[in-house]
Amino acid sequence: MGLDQWAKAVKGQPKQDDLGYWSYDDSVCLGEWRKHSSLHGWMENLFRSKGGEGDFNCVAVDLDAVDLENLKESVQGNDLPATQGFFFGNGNDERYKEQDLTFVDEALDLLDAGYKIQYTAWW
């Protein structure tokens, strides 16, 4: 068990199957992280700033261009928040720094191509 995280770009109308899982006409995986708790903390802060309530677990948060630029600035400035949780591990900021920046750049390109960017995690 642990903190597992994903970012994806989606396009089209969401559809729910008989088991309750959602899918889109087009979906691109932009990143997968394991126990990158400080990224999760940053995303949870974003989720809350957009009105999200309750546990930030198995809940998607949408990222727009401003969010992505703010994330890039936080990553480059080593300013992701220290975040703790039973299954979260440590921040792993340096280990994931290059991957985080690549994710932001690819996400910005896909936003321009009409995709919606989402982050979700399961812990």
N, C-alpha and C. Protein backbone atom coordinates (compact mmCIF):
# COMPACT_ATOMS: atom_id res chain seq x y z
N MET A 1 0.84 -1.18 0.00
CA MET A 1 0.00 0.00 0.00
C MET A 1 0.88 1.24 0.00
N GLY A 2 0.31 2.31 -0.46
CA GLY A 2 1.03 3.56 -0.48
C GLY A 2 0.32 4.57 -1.34
N LEU A 3 0.94 5.71 -1.46
CA LEU A 3 0.40 6.79 -2.26
C LEU A 3 0.77 6.56 -3.73
N ASP A 4 -0.23 6.29 -4.55
CA ASP A 4 -0.05 6.13 -5.99
C ASP A 4 -0.75 7.29 -6.68
N GLN A 5 -0.07 7.91 -7.66
CA GLN A 5 -0.57 9.13 -8.27
C GLN A 5 -0.48 9.05 -9.79
N TRP A 6 -1.44 9.73 -10.44
CA TRP A 6 -1.49 9.75 -11.90
C TRP A 6 -1.91 11.12 -12.39
N ALA A 7 -1.43 11.46 -13.55
CA ALA A 7 -1.92 12.64 -14.27
C ALA A 7 -2.24 12.18 -15.67
N LYS A 8 -3.35 12.70 -16.19
CA LYS A 8 -3.74 12.33 -17.55
C LYS A 8 -4.37 13.51 -18.25
N ALA A 9 -4.34 13.42 -19.57
CA ALA A 9 -5.03 14.39 -20.42
C ALA A 9 -6.21 13.65 -21.01
N VAL A 10 -7.38 14.27 -20.96
CA VAL A 10 -8.58 13.62 -21.46
C VAL A 10 -9.30 14.54 -22.43
N LYS A 11 -9.98 13.92 -23.37
CA LYS A 11 -10.74 14.67 -24.37
C LYS A 11 -12.02 13.91 -24.67
N GLY A 12 -13.09 14.64 -24.88
CA GLY A 12 -14.37 14.02 -25.19
C GLY A 12 -15.28 13.99 -23.98
N GLN A 13 -16.39 13.33 -24.14
CA GLN A 13 -17.38 13.24 -23.07
C GLN A 13 -17.07 12.05 -22.16
N PRO A 14 -17.13 12.26 -20.85
CA PRO A 14 -16.91 11.13 -19.94
C PRO A 14 -18.07 10.14 -20.01
N LYS A 15 -17.73 8.87 -19.90
CA LYS A 15 -18.73 7.80 -19.91
C LYS A 15 -18.48 6.89 -18.71
N GLN A 16 -19.55 6.48 -18.06
CA GLN A 16 -19.43 5.58 -16.91
C GLN A 16 -19.91 4.19 -17.31
N ASP A 17 -19.09 3.17 -16.99
CA ASP A 17 -19.48 1.81 -17.33
C ASP A 17 -20.36 1.21 -16.23
N ASP A 18 -20.73 -0.05 -16.39
CA ASP A 18 -21.62 -0.72 -15.44
C ASP A 18 -21.01 -0.88 -14.04
N LEU A 19 -19.69 -0.84 -13.95
CA LEU A 19 -19.02 -0.97 -12.66
C LEU A 19 -18.76 0.38 -11.99
N GLY A 20 -19.11 1.46 -12.68
CA GLY A 20 -18.93 2.79 -12.11
C GLY A 20 -17.63 3.47 -12.50
N TYR A 21 -16.84 2.86 -13.38
CA TYR A 21 -15.58 3.45 -13.82
C TYR A 21 -15.84 4.44 -14.96
N TRP A 22 -15.08 5.52 -14.94
CA TRP A 22 -15.22 6.56 -15.96
C TRP A 22 -14.15 6.41 -17.02
N SER A 23 -14.52 6.71 -18.26
CA SER A 23 -13.56 6.73 -19.35
C SER A 23 -13.91 7.89 -20.28
N TYR A 24 -12.98 8.20 -21.17
CA TYR A 24 -13.15 9.29 -22.13
C TYR A 24 -12.89 8.77 -23.53
N ASP A 25 -13.31 9.55 -24.52
CA ASP A 25 -13.05 9.18 -25.91
C ASP A 25 -11.56 9.07 -26.18
N ASP A 26 -10.78 9.94 -25.55
CA ASP A 26 -9.33 9.97 -25.75
C ASP A 26 -8.68 10.28 -24.41
N SER A 27 -7.68 9.52 -24.05
CA SER A 27 -6.98 9.71 -22.77
C SER A 27 -5.49 9.44 -22.96
N VAL A 28 -4.66 10.32 -22.43
CA VAL A 28 -3.21 10.19 -22.52
C VAL A 28 -2.63 10.23 -21.12
N CYS A 29 -1.86 9.21 -20.75
CA CYS A 29 -1.19 9.21 -19.45
C CYS A 29 0.00 10.16 -19.51
N LEU A 30 0.02 11.13 -18.60
CA LEU A 30 1.11 12.12 -18.57
C LEU A 30 2.13 11.84 -17.47
N GLY A 31 1.75 11.08 -16.49
CA GLY A 31 2.69 10.81 -15.41
C GLY A 31 2.13 9.86 -14.39
N GLU A 32 3.04 9.12 -13.78
CA GLU A 32 2.73 8.23 -12.67
C GLU A 32 3.82 8.44 -11.63
N TRP A 33 3.40 8.57 -10.38
CA TRP A 33 4.33 8.77 -9.28
C TRP A 33 3.99 7.79 -8.17
N ARG A 34 4.96 7.50 -7.35
CA ARG A 34 4.78 6.62 -6.18
C ARG A 34 5.34 7.34 -4.97
N LYS A 35 4.46 7.65 -4.03
CA LYS A 35 4.84 8.27 -2.76
C LYS A 35 5.56 9.61 -2.96
N HIS A 36 5.11 10.39 -3.90
CA HIS A 36 5.62 11.76 -4.10
C HIS A 36 4.68 12.68 -3.30
N SER A 37 4.84 12.61 -1.99
CA SER A 37 3.87 13.24 -1.08
C SER A 37 3.81 14.76 -1.22
N SER A 38 4.91 15.40 -1.51
CA SER A 38 4.86 16.86 -1.63
C SER A 38 4.07 17.29 -2.88
N LEU A 39 4.16 16.54 -3.96
CA LEU A 39 3.32 16.83 -5.13
C LEU A 39 1.85 16.64 -4.76
N HIS A 40 1.56 15.58 -4.03
CA HIS A 40 0.19 15.33 -3.61
C HIS A 40 -0.31 16.46 -2.70
N GLY A 41 0.55 16.94 -1.82
CA GLY A 41 0.17 18.06 -0.95
C GLY A 41 -0.14 19.31 -1.76
N TRP A 42 0.67 19.56 -2.79
CA TRP A 42 0.44 20.72 -3.66
C TRP A 42 -0.91 20.57 -4.36
N MET A 43 -1.18 19.37 -4.87
CA MET A 43 -2.45 19.13 -5.57
C MET A 43 -3.63 19.21 -4.61
N GLU A 44 -3.45 18.74 -3.39
CA GLU A 44 -4.54 18.85 -2.42
C GLU A 44 -4.84 20.31 -2.10
N ASN A 45 -3.81 21.13 -1.96
CA ASN A 45 -4.03 22.57 -1.74
C ASN A 45 -4.80 23.17 -2.91
N LEU A 46 -4.47 22.77 -4.13
CA LEU A 46 -5.18 23.24 -5.30
C LEU A 46 -6.65 22.79 -5.27
N PHE A 47 -6.85 21.52 -4.96
CA PHE A 47 -8.19 20.95 -4.85
C PHE A 47 -9.04 21.76 -3.86
N ARG A 48 -8.48 22.06 -2.71
CA ARG A 48 -9.20 22.82 -1.68
C ARG A 48 -9.47 24.26 -2.16
N SER A 49 -8.50 24.86 -2.85
CA SER A 49 -8.68 26.24 -3.32
C SER A 49 -9.80 26.32 -4.37
N LYS A 50 -10.08 25.18 -5.02
CA LYS A 50 -11.16 25.14 -6.02
C LYS A 50 -12.49 24.69 -5.41
N GLY A 51 -12.53 24.63 -4.08
CA GLY A 51 -13.77 24.28 -3.39
C GLY A 51 -13.92 22.82 -3.01
N GLY A 52 -12.90 22.01 -3.24
CA GLY A 52 -12.97 20.59 -2.90
C GLY A 52 -13.04 20.39 -1.40
N GLU A 53 -13.82 19.39 -1.00
CA GLU A 53 -13.99 19.07 0.42
C GLU A 53 -13.81 17.57 0.64
N GLY A 54 -13.60 17.19 1.88
CA GLY A 54 -13.46 15.78 2.23
C GLY A 54 -12.06 15.26 1.96
N ASP A 55 -11.92 13.93 2.03
CA ASP A 55 -10.64 13.30 1.76
C ASP A 55 -10.25 13.51 0.30
N PHE A 56 -9.00 13.87 0.10
CA PHE A 56 -8.48 14.00 -1.27
C PHE A 56 -7.86 12.67 -1.66
N ASN A 57 -8.73 11.70 -1.90
CA ASN A 57 -8.33 10.34 -2.21
C ASN A 57 -9.28 9.81 -3.28
N CYS A 58 -8.73 9.36 -4.40
CA CYS A 58 -9.54 8.86 -5.52
C CYS A 58 -10.47 9.94 -6.06
N VAL A 59 -10.01 11.17 -6.01
CA VAL A 59 -10.77 12.32 -6.51
C VAL A 59 -9.88 13.05 -7.52
N ALA A 60 -10.42 13.35 -8.68
CA ALA A 60 -9.65 14.07 -9.70
C ALA A 60 -9.74 15.57 -9.47
N VAL A 61 -8.62 16.24 -9.71
CA VAL A 61 -8.62 17.70 -9.73
C VAL A 61 -8.16 18.12 -11.12
N ASP A 62 -8.90 19.07 -11.71
CA ASP A 62 -8.56 19.59 -13.03
C ASP A 62 -7.52 20.69 -12.90
N LEU A 63 -6.57 20.70 -13.82
CA LEU A 63 -5.52 21.71 -13.83
C LEU A 63 -5.62 22.54 -15.10
N ASP A 64 -5.65 23.86 -14.94
CA ASP A 64 -5.64 24.74 -16.09
C ASP A 64 -4.21 25.27 -16.29
N ALA A 65 -4.03 26.14 -17.27
CA ALA A 65 -2.68 26.64 -17.60
C ALA A 65 -2.07 27.40 -16.42
N VAL A 66 -2.86 28.18 -15.72
CA VAL A 66 -2.34 28.94 -14.56
C VAL A 66 -1.87 27.97 -13.47
N ASP A 67 -2.68 26.94 -13.20
CA ASP A 67 -2.29 25.93 -12.21
C ASP A 67 -0.97 25.27 -12.60
N LEU A 68 -0.84 24.92 -13.86
CA LEU A 68 0.38 24.25 -14.32
C LEU A 68 1.60 25.15 -14.23
N GLU A 69 1.44 26.43 -14.59
CA GLU A 69 2.55 27.38 -14.46
C GLU A 69 2.93 27.57 -12.99
N ASN A 70 1.94 27.60 -12.11
CA ASN A 70 2.22 27.72 -10.67
C ASN A 70 2.94 26.48 -10.15
N LEU A 71 2.54 25.31 -10.64
CA LEU A 71 3.22 24.08 -10.25
C LEU A 71 4.66 24.11 -10.73
N LYS A 72 4.88 24.52 -11.96
CA LYS A 72 6.24 24.59 -12.50
C LYS A 72 7.12 25.50 -11.64
N GLU A 73 6.57 26.64 -11.26
CA GLU A 73 7.31 27.58 -10.41
C GLU A 73 7.64 26.95 -9.05
N SER A 74 6.68 26.23 -8.48
CA SER A 74 6.91 25.58 -7.19
C SER A 74 7.98 24.49 -7.29
N VAL A 75 7.94 23.72 -8.36
CA VAL A 75 8.93 22.65 -8.55
C VAL A 75 10.31 23.26 -8.76
N GLN A 76 10.41 24.24 -9.64
CA GLN A 76 11.71 24.87 -9.91
C GLN A 76 12.28 25.55 -8.68
N GLY A 77 11.42 26.11 -7.85
CA GLY A 77 11.86 26.80 -6.64
C GLY A 77 11.98 25.91 -5.42
N ASN A 78 11.86 24.59 -5.63
CA ASN A 78 11.90 23.63 -4.52
C ASN A 78 10.92 24.04 -3.43
N ASP A 79 9.71 24.40 -3.85
CA ASP A 79 8.72 24.97 -2.94
C ASP A 79 7.44 24.13 -2.87
N LEU A 80 7.55 22.83 -3.11
CA LEU A 80 6.40 21.97 -2.89
C LEU A 80 6.24 21.76 -1.38
N PRO A 81 5.00 21.69 -0.89
CA PRO A 81 4.81 21.61 0.57
C PRO A 81 5.16 20.25 1.15
N ALA A 82 5.81 20.26 2.29
CA ALA A 82 6.05 19.01 3.01
C ALA A 82 4.69 18.45 3.41
N THR A 83 4.45 17.20 3.05
CA THR A 83 3.14 16.59 3.26
C THR A 83 3.33 15.21 3.87
N GLN A 84 2.58 14.94 4.93
CA GLN A 84 2.72 13.65 5.60
C GLN A 84 1.39 12.91 5.58
N GLY A 85 1.49 11.61 5.56
CA GLY A 85 0.34 10.73 5.64
C GLY A 85 0.87 9.34 5.91
N PHE A 86 0.05 8.49 6.47
CA PHE A 86 0.50 7.16 6.88
C PHE A 86 1.11 6.37 5.73
N PHE A 87 0.54 6.49 4.53
CA PHE A 87 1.01 5.73 3.38
C PHE A 87 1.85 6.56 2.40
N PHE A 88 2.24 7.78 2.80
CA PHE A 88 2.78 8.74 1.84
C PHE A 88 4.28 8.66 1.61
N GLY A 89 5.04 8.09 2.49
CA GLY A 89 6.49 8.10 2.34
C GLY A 89 7.03 9.51 2.54
N ASN A 90 8.23 9.79 2.00
CA ASN A 90 8.77 11.15 2.10
C ASN A 90 8.51 11.89 0.79
N GLY A 91 8.93 13.15 0.71
CA GLY A 91 8.58 14.00 -0.42
C GLY A 91 9.15 13.59 -1.76
N ASN A 92 10.35 13.04 -1.80
CA ASN A 92 10.99 12.62 -3.06
C ASN A 92 11.09 13.75 -4.08
N ASP A 93 11.21 14.99 -3.64
CA ASP A 93 11.19 16.12 -4.56
C ASP A 93 12.32 16.05 -5.60
N GLU A 94 13.54 15.83 -5.18
CA GLU A 94 14.66 15.80 -6.12
C GLU A 94 14.55 14.62 -7.07
N ARG A 95 14.11 13.49 -6.56
CA ARG A 95 13.98 12.29 -7.39
C ARG A 95 12.99 12.51 -8.53
N TYR A 96 11.95 13.29 -8.28
CA TYR A 96 10.89 13.48 -9.26
C TYR A 96 10.93 14.83 -9.96
N LYS A 97 11.89 15.67 -9.66
CA LYS A 97 11.89 17.03 -10.19
C LYS A 97 11.83 17.07 -11.72
N GLU A 98 12.69 16.34 -12.38
CA GLU A 98 12.70 16.34 -13.84
C GLU A 98 11.38 15.80 -14.41
N GLN A 99 10.86 14.75 -13.80
CA GLN A 99 9.58 14.18 -14.24
C GLN A 99 8.45 15.19 -14.05
N ASP A 100 8.46 15.91 -12.92
CA ASP A 100 7.43 16.92 -12.67
C ASP A 100 7.45 18.01 -13.74
N LEU A 101 8.64 18.46 -14.08
CA LEU A 101 8.76 19.53 -15.08
C LEU A 101 8.36 19.04 -16.48
N THR A 102 8.71 17.81 -16.81
CA THR A 102 8.29 17.24 -18.09
C THR A 102 6.77 17.11 -18.13
N PHE A 103 6.17 16.67 -17.03
CA PHE A 103 4.71 16.58 -16.96
C PHE A 103 4.07 17.93 -17.25
N VAL A 104 4.57 18.99 -16.61
CA VAL A 104 3.98 20.32 -16.81
C VAL A 104 4.08 20.74 -18.27
N ASP A 105 5.24 20.58 -18.87
CA ASP A 105 5.41 20.98 -20.27
C ASP A 105 4.49 20.20 -21.21
N GLU A 106 4.40 18.89 -21.02
CA GLU A 106 3.53 18.07 -21.86
C GLU A 106 2.06 18.42 -21.63
N ALA A 107 1.70 18.67 -20.38
CA ALA A 107 0.32 19.03 -20.06
C ALA A 107 -0.07 20.36 -20.70
N LEU A 108 0.83 21.32 -20.68
CA LEU A 108 0.54 22.62 -21.32
C LEU A 108 0.33 22.45 -22.82
N ASP A 109 1.15 21.61 -23.46
CA ASP A 109 0.98 21.34 -24.89
C ASP A 109 -0.38 20.70 -25.18
N LEU A 110 -0.78 19.76 -24.34
CA LEU A 110 -2.05 19.07 -24.57
C LEU A 110 -3.25 19.97 -24.24
N LEU A 111 -3.09 20.87 -23.28
CA LEU A 111 -4.15 21.86 -23.05
C LEU A 111 -4.40 22.66 -24.32
N ASP A 112 -3.29 23.08 -24.96
CA ASP A 112 -3.40 23.84 -26.21
C ASP A 112 -4.08 23.03 -27.31
N ALA A 113 -3.98 21.70 -27.23
CA ALA A 113 -4.58 20.82 -28.22
C ALA A 113 -6.03 20.45 -27.87
N GLY A 114 -6.57 21.06 -26.81
CA GLY A 114 -7.97 20.85 -26.47
C GLY A 114 -8.25 19.78 -25.43
N TYR A 115 -7.22 19.27 -24.80
CA TYR A 115 -7.41 18.28 -23.74
C TYR A 115 -7.66 18.97 -22.40
N LYS A 116 -8.25 18.22 -21.48
CA LYS A 116 -8.40 18.63 -20.09
C LYS A 116 -7.37 17.83 -19.29
N ILE A 117 -6.70 18.47 -18.34
CA ILE A 117 -5.66 17.82 -17.55
C ILE A 117 -6.21 17.50 -16.16
N GLN A 118 -5.99 16.26 -15.72
CA GLN A 118 -6.48 15.81 -14.43
C GLN A 118 -5.38 15.12 -13.64
N TYR A 119 -5.42 15.32 -12.32
CA TYR A 119 -4.54 14.61 -11.39
C TYR A 119 -5.44 13.86 -10.43
N THR A 120 -5.03 12.63 -10.10
CA THR A 120 -5.73 11.85 -9.09
C THR A 120 -4.72 10.98 -8.35
N ALA A 121 -5.10 10.55 -7.16
CA ALA A 121 -4.23 9.69 -6.36
C ALA A 121 -5.09 8.73 -5.54
N TRP A 122 -4.43 7.65 -5.16
CA TRP A 122 -5.08 6.63 -4.33
C TRP A 122 -4.11 6.26 -3.23
N TRP A 123 -4.57 6.33 -2.00
CA TRP A 123 -3.73 5.95 -0.87
C TRP A 123 -4.49 5.11 0.13
